[in-house]
């Protein structure tokens, strides 16, 4: 399977061989990482553009940020590369509109970590990728997995659009949440995933434990869930054990953690379960690149309770194989499903395990 994917030309290889100008769409952290890799590979970037509301008199990495039509007047034809993430319909529709006029690629860079999901990365981890493919529980998961590999390698949006499903399909057909769940929400943000849980349980549950490390988001989470019974909102992060982490609190939902003396307290799933005397039956984790460490600290819970799992699998390049392999190691009885929900690039890629 992996060998077949590797027959395709990578996005970076396409960019290196093109004679067309290359225009980067985006000016955030992702765009920074794309430019870093372009520079490493010796690929020339011709300019930077942004959505209409973000084109102002400013520069990014030495390029004046210009509206797309200025490049159309200057170059006529060129390649547009996407350097940001979105699930907003109007932005995705705009990208689709750009595709009708220009070649569009999404050279993939990780949200966290330095390993880029390129040809060398796939060759290095071929055995792990094949192992995960073979353990996936249904044909849709295998289709999503292959499309993910193809998209990450080639940057072609058709692979991404081909494998989209609505979250309701995963909740109704895979997770099938009951009315007596003990829900652990890791990375609860301002309460949107608590609302999601309530939607699919018709507001019936045994308990909700919601963790959010970002202080501003936590205050909103606490206020949002104040009316709920048996709901415990905690200003905590999650990790493999209890320690102190320094959290970058400037990015809201994207707050990330670094081990830091005197930082904010974090805990593990197993320790939290013991402290609260709750056997969690459903765990959702979107913890900004700490999913692997979270699973290490949840090993006893996964073995003894086998909670349903909803785990983000896109923050680090290795997540696509490291997370399912860790889950299977903790409890070989898990059936592992993979789904991708509407997002450019392949964010909102989740493991659903039962």
C-alpha atoms as a PDB file:
ATOM      1  CA  UNK A   1       0.000   0.000   0.000  1.00  0.00           C
ATOM      2  CA  UNK A   2       2.709   2.499   1.009  1.00  0.00           C
ATOM      3  CA  UNK A   3       4.786   1.643  -2.060  1.00  0.00           C
ATOM      4  CA  UNK A   4       1.820   2.482  -4.287  1.00  0.00           C
ATOM      5  CA  UNK A   5       1.452   5.874  -2.619  1.00  0.00           C
ATOM      6  CA  UNK A   6       5.169   6.538  -2.996  1.00  0.00           C
ATOM      7  CA  UNK A   7       4.824   6.230  -6.779  1.00  0.00           C
ATOM      8  CA  UNK A   8       3.138   9.629  -6.699  1.00  0.00           C
ATOM      9  CA  UNK A   9       5.104  12.861  -7.001  1.00  0.00           C
ATOM     10  CA  UNK A  10       5.352  14.845  -3.777  1.00  0.00           C
ATOM     11  CA  UNK A  11       4.216  18.455  -3.442  1.00  0.00           C
ATOM     12  CA  UNK A  12       7.791  19.540  -2.752  1.00  0.00           C
ATOM     13  CA  UNK A  13       9.042  17.686  -5.834  1.00  0.00           C
ATOM     14  CA  UNK A  14       6.382  19.396  -7.957  1.00  0.00           C
ATOM     15  CA  UNK A  15       7.346  22.803  -6.612  1.00  0.00           C
ATOM     16  CA  UNK A  16      11.034  22.148  -7.141  1.00  0.00           C
ATOM     17  CA  UNK A  17      10.522  21.211 -10.789  1.00  0.00           C
ATOM     18  CA  UNK A  18       7.998  23.884 -11.831  1.00  0.00           C
ATOM     19  CA  UNK A  19       8.876  26.840 -14.025  1.00  0.00           C
ATOM     20  CA  UNK A  20       5.833  28.782 -12.811  1.00  0.00           C
ATOM     21  CA  UNK A  21       5.994  31.443 -10.076  1.00  0.00           C
ATOM     22  CA  UNK A  22       4.937  30.199  -6.627  1.00  0.00           C
ATOM     23  CA  UNK A  23       2.619  32.334  -4.481  1.00  0.00           C
ATOM     24  CA  UNK A  24       2.003  31.470  -0.836  1.00  0.00           C
ATOM     25  CA  UNK A  25      -1.523  31.990   0.512  1.00  0.00           C
ATOM     26  CA  UNK A  26      -1.283  32.576   4.268  1.00  0.00           C
ATOM     27  CA  UNK A  27       0.798  34.504   6.819  1.00  0.00           C
ATOM     28  CA  UNK A  28       0.638  32.522  10.060  1.00  0.00           C
ATOM     29  CA  UNK A  29       2.680  29.814  11.786  1.00  0.00           C
ATOM     30  CA  UNK A  30       1.958  27.302   9.044  1.00  0.00           C
ATOM     31  CA  UNK A  31       3.144  29.709   6.366  1.00  0.00           C
ATOM     32  CA  UNK A  32       6.349  30.229   8.346  1.00  0.00           C
ATOM     33  CA  UNK A  33       7.001  26.485   8.339  1.00  0.00           C
ATOM     34  CA  UNK A  34       6.259  26.211   4.613  1.00  0.00           C
ATOM     35  CA  UNK A  35       8.736  28.988   3.827  1.00  0.00           C
ATOM     36  CA  UNK A  36      11.367  27.343   6.048  1.00  0.00           C
ATOM     37  CA  UNK A  37      11.046  24.112   4.052  1.00  0.00           C
ATOM     38  CA  UNK A  38      11.047  25.929   0.710  1.00  0.00           C
ATOM     39  CA  UNK A  39      14.275  27.641   1.724  1.00  0.00           C
ATOM     40  CA  UNK A  40      15.796  24.355   2.898  1.00  0.00           C
ATOM     41  CA  UNK A  41      15.003  22.767  -0.464  1.00  0.00           C
ATOM     42  CA  UNK A  42      16.178  25.784  -2.464  1.00  0.00           C
ATOM     43  CA  UNK A  43      12.712  26.450  -3.935  1.00  0.00           C
ATOM     44  CA  UNK A  44      12.061  30.076  -4.911  1.00  0.00           C
ATOM     45  CA  UNK A  45       8.948  31.771  -3.550  1.00  0.00           C
ATOM     46  CA  UNK A  46       7.614  34.611  -5.706  1.00  0.00           C
ATOM     47  CA  UNK A  47       5.140  36.263  -3.361  1.00  0.00           C
ATOM     48  CA  UNK A  48       2.666  36.100  -0.484  1.00  0.00           C
ATOM     49  CA  UNK A  49      -1.087  36.671  -0.534  1.00  0.00           C
ATOM     50  CA  UNK A  50      -3.868  36.476   2.042  1.00  0.00           C
ATOM     51  CA  UNK A  51      -7.653  36.550   2.275  1.00  0.00           C
ATOM     52  CA  UNK A  52      -9.142  39.936   1.414  1.00  0.00           C
ATOM     53  CA  UNK A  53      -9.725  40.903   5.039  1.00  0.00           C
ATOM     54  CA  UNK A  54      -6.082  40.178   5.893  1.00  0.00           C
ATOM     55  CA  UNK A  55      -4.405  42.037   3.026  1.00  0.00           C
ATOM     56  CA  UNK A  56      -3.123  45.223   4.584  1.00  0.00           C
ATOM     57  CA  UNK A  57      -0.023  47.357   4.163  1.00  0.00           C
ATOM     58  CA  UNK A  58       2.348  44.851   5.705  1.00  0.00           C
ATOM     59  CA  UNK A  59       5.068  42.341   4.912  1.00  0.00           C
ATOM     60  CA  UNK A  60       5.654  38.703   5.807  1.00  0.00           C
ATOM     61  CA  UNK A  61       9.074  37.079   5.753  1.00  0.00           C
ATOM     62  CA  UNK A  62      10.360  39.872   3.514  1.00  0.00           C
ATOM     63  CA  UNK A  63       7.440  39.746   1.059  1.00  0.00           C
ATOM     64  CA  UNK A  64       4.821  42.446   0.694  1.00  0.00           C
ATOM     65  CA  UNK A  65       1.421  40.836   1.293  1.00  0.00           C
ATOM     66  CA  UNK A  66      -0.600  41.499  -1.862  1.00  0.00           C
ATOM     67  CA  UNK A  67      -4.109  40.578  -3.025  1.00  0.00           C
ATOM     68  CA  UNK A  68      -4.254  37.614  -5.383  1.00  0.00           C
ATOM     69  CA  UNK A  69      -5.420  39.696  -8.342  1.00  0.00           C
ATOM     70  CA  UNK A  70      -2.189  41.706  -8.222  1.00  0.00           C
ATOM     71  CA  UNK A  71      -0.251  38.486  -8.905  1.00  0.00           C
ATOM     72  CA  UNK A  72      -2.709  37.619 -11.671  1.00  0.00           C
ATOM     73  CA  UNK A  73      -1.914  40.950 -13.324  1.00  0.00           C
ATOM     74  CA  UNK A  74       1.839  40.506 -12.780  1.00  0.00           C
ATOM     75  CA  UNK A  75       2.303  36.817 -13.650  1.00  0.00           C
ATOM     76  CA  UNK A  76      -0.859  35.609 -15.343  1.00  0.00           C
ATOM     77  CA  UNK A  77      -0.322  31.959 -14.461  1.00  0.00           C
ATOM     78  CA  UNK A  78       1.278  30.707 -11.236  1.00  0.00           C
ATOM     79  CA  UNK A  79       0.982  28.043  -8.518  1.00  0.00           C
ATOM     80  CA  UNK A  80      -0.826  28.875  -5.286  1.00  0.00           C
ATOM     81  CA  UNK A  81       0.328  27.016  -2.181  1.00  0.00           C
ATOM     82  CA  UNK A  82      -1.825  27.011   0.961  1.00  0.00           C
ATOM     83  CA  UNK A  83      -0.046  27.797   4.236  1.00  0.00           C
ATOM     84  CA  UNK A  84      -2.854  27.939   6.793  1.00  0.00           C
ATOM     85  CA  UNK A  85      -5.699  25.830   8.167  1.00  0.00           C
ATOM     86  CA  UNK A  86      -9.433  26.390   7.865  1.00  0.00           C
ATOM     87  CA  UNK A  87     -12.778  24.636   8.126  1.00  0.00           C
ATOM     88  CA  UNK A  88     -14.808  27.737   7.247  1.00  0.00           C
ATOM     89  CA  UNK A  89     -17.069  27.095   4.286  1.00  0.00           C
ATOM     90  CA  UNK A  90     -16.507  30.517   2.723  1.00  0.00           C
ATOM     91  CA  UNK A  91     -12.722  30.153   2.858  1.00  0.00           C
ATOM     92  CA  UNK A  92     -12.803  26.612   1.457  1.00  0.00           C
ATOM     93  CA  UNK A  93     -15.151  27.794  -1.297  1.00  0.00           C
ATOM     94  CA  UNK A  94     -12.670  30.580  -2.102  1.00  0.00           C
ATOM     95  CA  UNK A  95      -9.838  28.044  -2.357  1.00  0.00           C
ATOM     96  CA  UNK A  96     -11.985  25.949  -4.685  1.00  0.00           C
ATOM     97  CA  UNK A  97     -12.617  29.069  -6.769  1.00  0.00           C
ATOM     98  CA  UNK A  98      -8.877  29.751  -6.979  1.00  0.00           C
ATOM     99  CA  UNK A  99      -8.403  26.150  -8.201  1.00  0.00           C
ATOM    100  CA  UNK A 100     -10.551  26.956 -11.207  1.00  0.00           C
ATOM    101  CA  UNK A 101      -7.976  29.558 -12.310  1.00  0.00           C
ATOM    102  CA  UNK A 102      -4.656  28.304 -10.946  1.00  0.00           C
ATOM    103  CA  UNK A 103      -2.816  25.213  -9.817  1.00  0.00           C
ATOM    104  CA  UNK A 104      -3.302  24.841  -6.033  1.00  0.00           C
ATOM    105  CA  UNK A 105      -1.143  22.679  -3.769  1.00  0.00           C
ATOM    106  CA  UNK A 106      -1.009  22.211   0.003  1.00  0.00           C
ATOM    107  CA  UNK A 107       2.597  21.376   0.965  1.00  0.00           C
ATOM    108  CA  UNK A 108       1.981  19.759   4.338  1.00  0.00           C
ATOM    109  CA  UNK A 109       3.848  20.797   7.467  1.00  0.00           C
ATOM    110  CA  UNK A 110       3.091  19.559  11.007  1.00  0.00           C
ATOM    111  CA  UNK A 111       1.212  21.628  13.576  1.00  0.00           C
ATOM    112  CA  UNK A 112       3.858  20.645  16.136  1.00  0.00           C
ATOM    113  CA  UNK A 113       7.301  19.100  15.820  1.00  0.00           C
ATOM    114  CA  UNK A 114       9.842  19.340  13.051  1.00  0.00           C
ATOM    115  CA  UNK A 115       9.294  16.108  11.097  1.00  0.00           C
ATOM    116  CA  UNK A 116       7.620  16.814   7.760  1.00  0.00           C
ATOM    117  CA  UNK A 117       5.428  14.106   6.250  1.00  0.00           C
ATOM    118  CA  UNK A 118       7.413  13.795   3.022  1.00  0.00           C
ATOM    119  CA  UNK A 119       8.761  10.921   0.942  1.00  0.00           C
ATOM    120  CA  UNK A 120      11.670  10.284   3.292  1.00  0.00           C
ATOM    121  CA  UNK A 121       9.356  10.206   6.305  1.00  0.00           C
ATOM    122  CA  UNK A 122       7.043   7.670   4.658  1.00  0.00           C
ATOM    123  CA  UNK A 123       9.934   5.453   3.623  1.00  0.00           C
ATOM    124  CA  UNK A 124      11.374   5.606   7.137  1.00  0.00           C
ATOM    125  CA  UNK A 125       8.066   4.595   8.739  1.00  0.00           C
ATOM    126  CA  UNK A 126       6.720   2.230   6.079  1.00  0.00           C
ATOM    127  CA  UNK A 127       6.400  -0.710   8.490  1.00  0.00           C
ATOM    128  CA  UNK A 128       4.427   1.280  11.064  1.00  0.00           C
ATOM    129  CA  UNK A 129       2.139   2.722   8.384  1.00  0.00           C
ATOM    130  CA  UNK A 130       1.441  -0.724   6.938  1.00  0.00           C
ATOM    131  CA  UNK A 131       0.776  -2.102  10.427  1.00  0.00           C
ATOM    132  CA  UNK A 132      -1.817   0.577  11.179  1.00  0.00           C
ATOM    133  CA  UNK A 133      -3.494   0.172   7.792  1.00  0.00           C
ATOM    134  CA  UNK A 134      -3.928  -3.547   8.414  1.00  0.00           C
ATOM    135  CA  UNK A 135      -5.481  -3.030  11.872  1.00  0.00           C
ATOM    136  CA  UNK A 136      -8.124  -0.477  10.861  1.00  0.00           C
ATOM    137  CA  UNK A 137     -11.632  -1.713  11.560  1.00  0.00           C
ATOM    138  CA  UNK A 138     -13.545  -0.906   8.357  1.00  0.00           C
ATOM    139  CA  UNK A 139     -13.069  -0.120   4.684  1.00  0.00           C
ATOM    140  CA  UNK A 140     -13.931   3.556   5.152  1.00  0.00           C
ATOM    141  CA  UNK A 141     -11.087   3.881   7.656  1.00  0.00           C
ATOM    142  CA  UNK A 142      -8.687   2.303   5.169  1.00  0.00           C
ATOM    143  CA  UNK A 143      -9.907   4.651   2.451  1.00  0.00           C
ATOM    144  CA  UNK A 144      -9.396   7.660   4.735  1.00  0.00           C
ATOM    145  CA  UNK A 145      -5.935   6.385   5.682  1.00  0.00           C
ATOM    146  CA  UNK A 146      -4.781   5.986   2.062  1.00  0.00           C
ATOM    147  CA  UNK A 147      -6.255   9.344   1.048  1.00  0.00           C
ATOM    148  CA  UNK A 148      -4.492  10.934   4.014  1.00  0.00           C
ATOM    149  CA  UNK A 149      -1.140   9.489   2.912  1.00  0.00           C
ATOM    150  CA  UNK A 150      -1.715  10.614  -0.666  1.00  0.00           C
ATOM    151  CA  UNK A 151      -2.724  14.095   0.417  1.00  0.00           C
ATOM    152  CA  UNK A 152       0.162  14.530   2.835  1.00  0.00           C
ATOM    153  CA  UNK A 153       2.623  13.436   0.148  1.00  0.00           C
ATOM    154  CA  UNK A 154       1.183  15.179  -2.915  1.00  0.00           C
ATOM    155  CA  UNK A 155      -0.664  18.186  -1.484  1.00  0.00           C
ATOM    156  CA  UNK A 156      -3.538  17.497  -3.892  1.00  0.00           C
ATOM    157  CA  UNK A 157      -6.878  18.631  -2.450  1.00  0.00           C
ATOM    158  CA  UNK A 158      -8.932  16.004  -4.287  1.00  0.00           C
ATOM    159  CA  UNK A 159      -7.600  13.325  -1.921  1.00  0.00           C
ATOM    160  CA  UNK A 160      -8.689  15.450   1.028  1.00  0.00           C
ATOM    161  CA  UNK A 161     -12.181  16.151  -0.289  1.00  0.00           C
ATOM    162  CA  UNK A 162     -12.648  12.515  -1.287  1.00  0.00           C
ATOM    163  CA  UNK A 163     -12.467  11.203   2.281  1.00  0.00           C
ATOM    164  CA  UNK A 164     -14.556  13.772   4.178  1.00  0.00           C
ATOM    165  CA  UNK A 165     -17.347  12.584   6.452  1.00  0.00           C
ATOM    166  CA  UNK A 166     -19.589  14.422   8.869  1.00  0.00           C
ATOM    167  CA  UNK A 167     -18.895  14.001  12.578  1.00  0.00           C
ATOM    168  CA  UNK A 168     -22.444  12.748  13.098  1.00  0.00           C
ATOM    169  CA  UNK A 169     -21.533   9.580  11.166  1.00  0.00           C
ATOM    170  CA  UNK A 170     -18.789   8.760  13.666  1.00  0.00           C
ATOM    171  CA  UNK A 171     -20.956   9.509  16.691  1.00  0.00           C
ATOM    172  CA  UNK A 172     -23.978   7.591  15.461  1.00  0.00           C
ATOM    173  CA  UNK A 173     -22.314   4.644  13.727  1.00  0.00           C
ATOM    174  CA  UNK A 174     -19.126   4.139  15.753  1.00  0.00           C
ATOM    175  CA  UNK A 175     -19.165   5.708  19.217  1.00  0.00           C
ATOM    176  CA  UNK A 176     -22.896   5.206  19.876  1.00  0.00           C
ATOM    177  CA  UNK A 177     -22.747   7.071  23.183  1.00  0.00           C
ATOM    178  CA  UNK A 178     -25.142   5.906  25.878  1.00  0.00           C
ATOM    179  CA  UNK A 179     -27.136   7.806  28.479  1.00  0.00           C
ATOM    180  CA  UNK A 180     -24.884   6.917  31.408  1.00  0.00           C
ATOM    181  CA  UNK A 181     -21.430   7.903  30.161  1.00  0.00           C
ATOM    182  CA  UNK A 182     -18.630   9.199  32.382  1.00  0.00           C
ATOM    183  CA  UNK A 183     -17.157  11.667  29.914  1.00  0.00           C
ATOM    184  CA  UNK A 184     -13.579  12.970  30.089  1.00  0.00           C
ATOM    185  CA  UNK A 185     -13.036  15.969  27.816  1.00  0.00           C
ATOM    186  CA  UNK A 186      -9.327  16.726  27.389  1.00  0.00           C
ATOM    187  CA  UNK A 187      -8.788  20.085  25.746  1.00  0.00           C
ATOM    188  CA  UNK A 188     -12.348  21.247  26.415  1.00  0.00           C
ATOM    189  CA  UNK A 189     -11.615  24.806  25.220  1.00  0.00           C
ATOM    190  CA  UNK A 190     -14.705  26.919  25.922  1.00  0.00           C
ATOM    191  CA  UNK A 191     -17.179  24.058  26.106  1.00  0.00           C
ATOM    192  CA  UNK A 192     -17.949  23.327  22.468  1.00  0.00           C
ATOM    193  CA  UNK A 193     -17.096  19.636  22.783  1.00  0.00           C
ATOM    194  CA  UNK A 194     -19.121  19.395  25.989  1.00  0.00           C
ATOM    195  CA  UNK A 195     -22.038  20.693  23.909  1.00  0.00           C
ATOM    196  CA  UNK A 196     -21.217  18.115  21.253  1.00  0.00           C
ATOM    197  CA  UNK A 197     -21.323  15.357  23.862  1.00  0.00           C
ATOM    198  CA  UNK A 198     -24.673  16.590  25.201  1.00  0.00           C
ATOM    199  CA  UNK A 199     -26.085  16.665  21.669  1.00  0.00           C
ATOM    200  CA  UNK A 200     -25.339  13.000  21.075  1.00  0.00           C
ATOM    201  CA  UNK A 201     -26.513  11.837  24.508  1.00  0.00           C
ATOM    202  CA  UNK A 202     -29.694  13.954  24.530  1.00  0.00           C
ATOM    203  CA  UNK A 203     -28.313  15.692  27.604  1.00  0.00           C
ATOM    204  CA  UNK A 204     -28.223  12.487  29.641  1.00  0.00           C
ATOM    205  CA  UNK A 205     -24.990  11.307  31.283  1.00  0.00           C
ATOM    206  CA  UNK A 206     -23.431  10.133  34.552  1.00  0.00           C
ATOM    207  CA  UNK A 207     -20.641  12.708  34.803  1.00  0.00           C
ATOM    208  CA  UNK A 208     -18.574  15.194  32.814  1.00  0.00           C
ATOM    209  CA  UNK A 209     -14.958  16.023  33.639  1.00  0.00           C
ATOM    210  CA  UNK A 210     -13.632  18.803  31.400  1.00  0.00           C
ATOM    211  CA  UNK A 211      -9.963  19.885  31.416  1.00  0.00           C
ATOM    212  CA  UNK A 212      -8.661  23.080  29.822  1.00  0.00           C
ATOM    213  CA  UNK A 213      -5.159  24.485  30.562  1.00  0.00           C
ATOM    214  CA  UNK A 214      -5.601  27.891  28.925  1.00  0.00           C
ATOM    215  CA  UNK A 215      -6.721  30.232  31.690  1.00  0.00           C
ATOM    216  CA  UNK A 216      -8.861  32.529  29.543  1.00  0.00           C
ATOM    217  CA  UNK A 217     -10.552  29.624  27.804  1.00  0.00           C
ATOM    218  CA  UNK A 218     -11.040  27.869  31.143  1.00  0.00           C
ATOM    219  CA  UNK A 219     -12.947  30.827  32.600  1.00  0.00           C
ATOM    220  CA  UNK A 220     -15.317  30.682  29.641  1.00  0.00           C
ATOM    221  CA  UNK A 221     -15.579  26.892  29.969  1.00  0.00           C
ATOM    222  CA  UNK A 222     -16.449  27.214  33.645  1.00  0.00           C
ATOM    223  CA  UNK A 223     -19.131  29.805  32.964  1.00  0.00           C
ATOM    224  CA  UNK A 224     -20.489  27.775  30.040  1.00  0.00           C
ATOM    225  CA  UNK A 225     -20.871  24.585  32.097  1.00  0.00           C
ATOM    226  CA  UNK A 226     -21.919  26.119  35.404  1.00  0.00           C
ATOM    227  CA  UNK A 227     -25.541  25.005  34.988  1.00  0.00           C
ATOM    228  CA  UNK A 228     -24.670  21.359  34.331  1.00  0.00           C
ATOM    229  CA  UNK A 229     -25.050  18.751  37.066  1.00  0.00           C
ATOM    230  CA  UNK A 230     -22.164  16.388  37.844  1.00  0.00           C
ATOM    231  CA  UNK A 231     -19.870  18.487  35.656  1.00  0.00           C
ATOM    232  CA  UNK A 232     -16.370  19.219  36.928  1.00  0.00           C
ATOM    233  CA  UNK A 233     -14.368  21.825  34.990  1.00  0.00           C
ATOM    234  CA  UNK A 234     -10.661  21.819  35.845  1.00  0.00           C
ATOM    235  CA  UNK A 235      -7.953  24.295  34.881  1.00  0.00           C
ATOM    236  CA  UNK A 236      -5.492  21.473  34.194  1.00  0.00           C
ATOM    237  CA  UNK A 237      -3.481  20.083  31.345  1.00  0.00           C
ATOM    238  CA  UNK A 238      -3.030  16.395  30.594  1.00  0.00           C
ATOM    239  CA  UNK A 239       0.237  14.504  30.218  1.00  0.00           C
ATOM    240  CA  UNK A 240       1.820  11.127  30.936  1.00  0.00           C
ATOM    241  CA  UNK A 241       2.167  11.883  34.641  1.00  0.00           C
ATOM    242  CA  UNK A 242       1.698  14.684  37.155  1.00  0.00           C
ATOM    243  CA  UNK A 243       4.279  17.422  36.677  1.00  0.00           C
ATOM    244  CA  UNK A 244       4.486  21.086  35.749  1.00  0.00           C
ATOM    245  CA  UNK A 245       4.294  22.281  32.186  1.00  0.00           C
ATOM    246  CA  UNK A 246       4.652  25.740  30.739  1.00  0.00           C
ATOM    247  CA  UNK A 247       1.678  26.487  28.479  1.00  0.00           C
ATOM    248  CA  UNK A 248       1.791  29.016  25.690  1.00  0.00           C
ATOM    249  CA  UNK A 249      -1.510  30.724  26.422  1.00  0.00           C
ATOM    250  CA  UNK A 250      -1.475  33.065  23.440  1.00  0.00           C
ATOM    251  CA  UNK A 251      -3.163  30.790  20.944  1.00  0.00           C
ATOM    252  CA  UNK A 252      -6.507  29.902  22.528  1.00  0.00           C
ATOM    253  CA  UNK A 253      -7.493  26.506  21.186  1.00  0.00           C
ATOM    254  CA  UNK A 254      -3.932  26.005  19.970  1.00  0.00           C
ATOM    255  CA  UNK A 255      -2.210  26.386  23.324  1.00  0.00           C
ATOM    256  CA  UNK A 256       0.778  24.065  23.492  1.00  0.00           C
ATOM    257  CA  UNK A 257       2.818  22.687  26.363  1.00  0.00           C
ATOM    258  CA  UNK A 258       6.492  22.528  27.208  1.00  0.00           C
ATOM    259  CA  UNK A 259       7.955  20.947  30.363  1.00  0.00           C
ATOM    260  CA  UNK A 260       8.749  23.871  32.602  1.00  0.00           C
ATOM    261  CA  UNK A 261       9.772  24.139  36.244  1.00  0.00           C
ATOM    262  CA  UNK A 262       7.214  26.095  38.211  1.00  0.00           C
ATOM    263  CA  UNK A 263       4.704  25.958  35.378  1.00  0.00           C
ATOM    264  CA  UNK A 264       1.094  24.893  35.450  1.00  0.00           C
ATOM    265  CA  UNK A 265       0.133  21.583  37.034  1.00  0.00           C
ATOM    266  CA  UNK A 266      -0.864  18.739  34.754  1.00  0.00           C
ATOM    267  CA  UNK A 267      -2.008  15.231  35.510  1.00  0.00           C
ATOM    268  CA  UNK A 268      -2.554  11.895  33.803  1.00  0.00           C
ATOM    269  CA  UNK A 269      -5.801  10.116  32.972  1.00  0.00           C
ATOM    270  CA  UNK A 270      -4.995   7.244  35.339  1.00  0.00           C
ATOM    271  CA  UNK A 271      -4.205   9.576  38.243  1.00  0.00           C
ATOM    272  CA  UNK A 272      -7.291  11.678  37.582  1.00  0.00           C
ATOM    273  CA  UNK A 273      -9.491   8.591  37.455  1.00  0.00           C
ATOM    274  CA  UNK A 274      -8.134   7.430  40.807  1.00  0.00           C
ATOM    275  CA  UNK A 275      -8.394  10.865  42.412  1.00  0.00           C
ATOM    276  CA  UNK A 276     -12.007  11.406  41.326  1.00  0.00           C
ATOM    277  CA  UNK A 277     -12.951   7.736  41.711  1.00  0.00           C
ATOM    278  CA  UNK A 278     -14.472   7.730  38.227  1.00  0.00           C
ATOM    279  CA  UNK A 279     -14.100   4.974  35.641  1.00  0.00           C
ATOM    280  CA  UNK A 280     -14.236   7.049  32.457  1.00  0.00           C
ATOM    281  CA  UNK A 281     -16.341   5.457  29.731  1.00  0.00           C
ATOM    282  CA  UNK A 282     -15.691   8.005  26.963  1.00  0.00           C
ATOM    283  CA  UNK A 283     -12.537  10.088  26.440  1.00  0.00           C
ATOM    284  CA  UNK A 284     -12.124  12.832  23.878  1.00  0.00           C
ATOM    285  CA  UNK A 285      -8.595  14.224  23.530  1.00  0.00           C
ATOM    286  CA  UNK A 286      -7.518  17.181  21.398  1.00  0.00           C
ATOM    287  CA  UNK A 287      -4.468  18.254  23.378  1.00  0.00           C
ATOM    288  CA  UNK A 288      -2.249  20.026  20.857  1.00  0.00           C
ATOM    289  CA  UNK A 289       0.476  17.486  20.272  1.00  0.00           C
ATOM    290  CA  UNK A 290       0.424  15.780  23.697  1.00  0.00           C
ATOM    291  CA  UNK A 291      -1.900  12.962  22.599  1.00  0.00           C
ATOM    292  CA  UNK A 292       0.875  10.353  22.739  1.00  0.00           C
ATOM    293  CA  UNK A 293       1.887  11.359  26.269  1.00  0.00           C
ATOM    294  CA  UNK A 294      -1.788  11.363  27.246  1.00  0.00           C
ATOM    295  CA  UNK A 295      -2.137   7.751  26.092  1.00  0.00           C
ATOM    296  CA  UNK A 296       0.946   6.723  28.077  1.00  0.00           C
ATOM    297  CA  UNK A 297      -0.706   8.155  31.177  1.00  0.00           C
ATOM    298  CA  UNK A 298      -4.002   6.435  30.354  1.00  0.00           C
ATOM    299  CA  UNK A 299      -2.638   2.915  29.903  1.00  0.00           C
ATOM    300  CA  UNK A 300      -4.287   1.448  33.011  1.00  0.00           C
ATOM    301  CA  UNK A 301      -7.629   3.072  32.159  1.00  0.00           C
ATOM    302  CA  UNK A 302      -7.500   1.711  28.615  1.00  0.00           C
ATOM    303  CA  UNK A 303      -6.684  -1.757  29.938  1.00  0.00           C
ATOM    304  CA  UNK A 304      -9.215  -1.947  32.763  1.00  0.00           C
ATOM    305  CA  UNK A 305     -12.126   0.210  31.524  1.00  0.00           C
ATOM    306  CA  UNK A 306     -11.714   0.252  27.727  1.00  0.00           C
ATOM    307  CA  UNK A 307     -13.403   3.653  27.346  1.00  0.00           C
ATOM    308  CA  UNK A 308     -14.602   4.776  23.944  1.00  0.00           C
ATOM    309  CA  UNK A 309     -11.971   7.076  22.449  1.00  0.00           C
ATOM    310  CA  UNK A 310     -12.107  10.134  20.218  1.00  0.00           C
ATOM    311  CA  UNK A 311      -8.485  11.172  19.674  1.00  0.00           C
ATOM    312  CA  UNK A 312      -7.077  13.900  17.406  1.00  0.00           C
ATOM    313  CA  UNK A 313      -4.466  12.315  15.134  1.00  0.00           C
ATOM    314  CA  UNK A 314      -3.032  15.219  13.136  1.00  0.00           C
ATOM    315  CA  UNK A 315      -0.888  17.437  15.362  1.00  0.00           C
ATOM    316  CA  UNK A 316       2.421  15.621  14.792  1.00  0.00           C
ATOM    317  CA  UNK A 317       3.547  13.758  11.687  1.00  0.00           C
ATOM    318  CA  UNK A 318       3.982  10.514  13.637  1.00  0.00           C
ATOM    319  CA  UNK A 319       0.504  10.643  15.216  1.00  0.00           C
ATOM    320  CA  UNK A 320      -1.099   8.738  12.350  1.00  0.00           C
ATOM    321  CA  UNK A 321       0.782   5.574  13.340  1.00  0.00           C
ATOM    322  CA  UNK A 322       2.134   6.226  16.852  1.00  0.00           C
ATOM    323  CA  UNK A 323      -1.278   6.819  18.435  1.00  0.00           C
ATOM    324  CA  UNK A 324      -3.144   3.752  17.092  1.00  0.00           C
ATOM    325  CA  UNK A 325      -0.155   1.530  17.839  1.00  0.00           C
ATOM    326  CA  UNK A 326      -0.084   2.831  21.417  1.00  0.00           C
ATOM    327  CA  UNK A 327      -3.837   2.241  21.805  1.00  0.00           C
ATOM    328  CA  UNK A 328      -3.519  -1.341  20.551  1.00  0.00           C
ATOM    329  CA  UNK A 329      -0.554  -1.909  22.857  1.00  0.00           C
ATOM    330  CA  UNK A 330      -2.593  -0.776  25.850  1.00  0.00           C
ATOM    331  CA  UNK A 331      -5.608  -2.899  24.904  1.00  0.00           C
ATOM    332  CA  UNK A 332      -5.548  -5.205  21.894  1.00  0.00           C
ATOM    333  CA  UNK A 333      -9.342  -5.530  21.984  1.00  0.00           C
ATOM    334  CA  UNK A 334      -9.865  -2.029  20.647  1.00  0.00           C
ATOM    335  CA  UNK A 335     -11.414  -1.655  17.205  1.00  0.00           C
ATOM    336  CA  UNK A 336      -9.848   1.418  15.592  1.00  0.00           C
ATOM    337  CA  UNK A 337     -11.655   3.624  13.086  1.00  0.00           C
ATOM    338  CA  UNK A 338     -10.277   6.675  11.261  1.00  0.00           C
ATOM    339  CA  UNK A 339     -12.321   9.602   9.989  1.00  0.00           C
ATOM    340  CA  UNK A 340     -11.497  12.965   8.432  1.00  0.00           C
ATOM    341  CA  UNK A 341     -13.914  15.862   8.830  1.00  0.00           C
ATOM    342  CA  UNK A 342     -14.056  19.015   6.738  1.00  0.00           C
ATOM    343  CA  UNK A 343     -10.765  20.908   7.055  1.00  0.00           C
ATOM    344  CA  UNK A 344      -7.869  22.157   4.924  1.00  0.00           C
ATOM    345  CA  UNK A 345      -5.215  20.764   5.414  1.00  0.00           C
ATOM    346  CA  UNK A 346      -5.936  17.312   6.872  1.00  0.00           C
ATOM    347  CA  UNK A 347      -6.742  18.577  10.345  1.00  0.00           C
ATOM    348  CA  UNK A 348      -9.732  17.228  12.224  1.00  0.00           C
ATOM    349  CA  UNK A 349      -8.437  13.731  11.492  1.00  0.00           C
ATOM    350  CA  UNK A 350      -9.651  11.607  14.383  1.00  0.00           C
ATOM    351  CA  UNK A 351      -9.278   8.102  15.735  1.00  0.00           C
ATOM    352  CA  UNK A 352     -12.555   6.638  17.002  1.00  0.00           C
ATOM    353  CA  UNK A 353     -11.940   3.533  19.084  1.00  0.00           C
ATOM    354  CA  UNK A 354     -14.432   1.154  20.673  1.00  0.00           C
END
